[in-house]
Amino acid sequence: MSAAQSSWILIIIAFIAANLPWLSERVLLVLEPKGGVKGPLWRWLEWLLLFFIIGGVAMGMEQKLNGEIYPQDWEFYTVALCLFLVFALPGFIYRYELREMLKKR
């Protein structure tokens, strides 16, 4: 697998992972919440956990493709976090805006 293919696969996986907390009603995609509805705090905590998991996958892919993990400064991680936040926007909009509008219709 080439570096370009790996990059696109990672971007697609990150996009899907960033939206999972807003599309699923299960806590950590496994456990049923006590009230039947997962709260916003759980969604944000899952999103943050998935950010770190995808970061680990990305580091593993970098190690596999390049033979080493290149050191990064704080700017890289800030941009990665913001990109993951932008990736989560469709799921967030669906959960808090679009779903309610579709129910009223």
Protein backbone atom coordinates (compact mmCIF):
# COMPACT_ATOMS: atom_id res chain seq x y z
CA MET A 1 0.00 0.00 0.00
CA SER A 2 1.39 3.39 -0.95
CA ALA A 3 1.60 6.41 1.33
CA ALA A 4 -1.13 8.19 -0.65
CA GLN A 5 -3.52 5.25 -0.30
CA SER A 6 -2.76 4.99 3.41
CA SER A 7 -3.44 8.69 3.88
CA TRP A 8 -6.84 8.48 2.21
CA ILE A 9 -7.79 5.39 4.18
CA LEU A 10 -6.81 7.16 7.40
CA ILE A 11 -8.85 10.24 6.46
CA ILE A 12 -11.93 8.11 5.73
CA ILE A 13 -11.55 6.18 8.99
CA ALA A 14 -11.11 9.45 10.92
CA PHE A 15 -14.23 10.94 9.30
CA ILE A 16 -16.31 7.91 10.24
CA ALA A 17 -14.89 7.77 13.78
CA ALA A 18 -15.51 11.49 14.35
CA ASN A 19 -19.22 11.03 13.57
CA LEU A 20 -19.84 7.81 15.51
CA PRO A 21 -20.61 9.41 18.90
CA TRP A 22 -23.45 11.44 17.39
CA LEU A 23 -24.93 8.62 15.34
CA SER A 24 -25.05 5.96 18.07
CA GLU A 25 -27.11 5.91 21.25
CA ARG A 26 -24.80 3.38 22.93
CA VAL A 27 -22.04 4.47 25.30
CA LEU A 28 -18.66 3.55 23.76
CA LEU A 29 -20.70 1.86 20.99
CA VAL A 30 -21.40 -1.09 23.33
CA LEU A 31 -23.23 -0.18 26.54
CA GLU A 32 -26.85 0.88 26.76
CA PRO A 33 -27.20 4.17 28.72
CA LYS A 34 -29.27 4.10 31.91
CA GLY A 35 -31.95 6.51 30.72
CA GLY A 36 -31.99 5.10 27.20
CA VAL A 37 -30.56 8.36 25.84
CA LYS A 38 -26.88 9.19 25.81
CA GLY A 39 -26.07 12.66 27.11
CA PRO A 40 -23.90 15.30 25.43
CA LEU A 41 -21.06 14.78 27.91
CA TRP A 42 -20.78 11.12 26.94
CA ARG A 43 -20.78 12.07 23.26
CA TRP A 44 -17.90 14.52 23.74
CA LEU A 45 -15.92 12.07 25.86
CA GLU A 46 -16.37 9.36 23.20
CA TRP A 47 -15.33 11.83 20.52
CA LEU A 48 -12.15 12.69 22.43
CA LEU A 49 -11.37 9.01 23.04
CA LEU A 50 -11.83 8.28 19.34
CA PHE A 51 -9.48 11.18 18.52
CA PHE A 52 -6.73 9.53 20.57
CA ILE A 53 -7.47 6.10 19.08
CA ILE A 54 -7.25 7.45 15.53
CA GLY A 55 -4.05 9.26 16.50
CA GLY A 56 -2.60 5.95 17.65
CA VAL A 57 -3.66 4.30 14.40
CA ALA A 58 -2.01 7.13 12.46
CA MET A 59 1.21 6.73 14.43
CA GLY A 60 1.16 3.00 13.79
CA MET A 61 0.67 3.56 10.07
CA GLU A 62 3.52 6.08 10.05
CA GLN A 63 5.79 3.60 11.82
CA LYS A 64 4.85 0.85 9.36
CA LEU A 65 5.30 2.99 6.23
CA ASN A 66 8.36 5.06 7.20
CA GLY A 67 10.09 2.92 9.79
CA GLU A 68 9.92 5.68 12.40
CA ILE A 69 7.54 8.15 13.98
CA TYR A 70 8.57 11.70 13.25
CA PRO A 71 8.50 14.11 16.21
CA GLN A 72 5.79 16.77 16.09
CA ASP A 73 5.27 20.00 17.98
CA TRP A 74 2.04 21.23 19.58
CA GLU A 75 0.91 22.94 16.36
CA PHE A 76 0.52 19.61 14.58
CA TYR A 77 -1.70 18.18 17.31
CA THR A 78 -3.78 21.37 17.46
CA VAL A 79 -4.43 21.21 13.72
CA ALA A 80 -5.22 17.48 13.96
CA LEU A 81 -7.72 18.15 16.76
CA CYS A 82 -9.38 20.94 14.77
CA LEU A 83 -9.58 18.73 11.68
CA PHE A 84 -11.18 15.96 13.72
CA LEU A 85 -13.65 18.53 15.06
CA VAL A 86 -14.53 19.61 11.51
CA PHE A 87 -14.97 15.96 10.53
CA ALA A 88 -17.51 15.60 13.37
CA LEU A 89 -19.67 18.46 12.10
CA PRO A 90 -22.07 16.35 9.95
CA GLY A 91 -22.89 14.02 12.85
CA PHE A 92 -23.29 16.93 15.26
CA ILE A 93 -25.62 18.77 12.89
CA TYR A 94 -27.64 15.61 12.33
CA ARG A 95 -28.00 14.96 16.07
CA TYR A 96 -28.92 18.45 17.24
CA GLU A 97 -30.42 20.22 14.22
CA LEU A 98 -31.48 18.02 11.33
CA ARG A 99 -33.07 15.21 13.34
CA GLU A 100 -35.40 17.60 15.16
CA MET A 101 -36.34 19.30 11.91
CA LEU A 102 -37.09 15.95 10.27
CA LYS A 103 -39.27 14.90 13.24
CA LYS A 104 -41.37 18.07 12.96
CA ARG A 105 -41.89 17.49 9.29
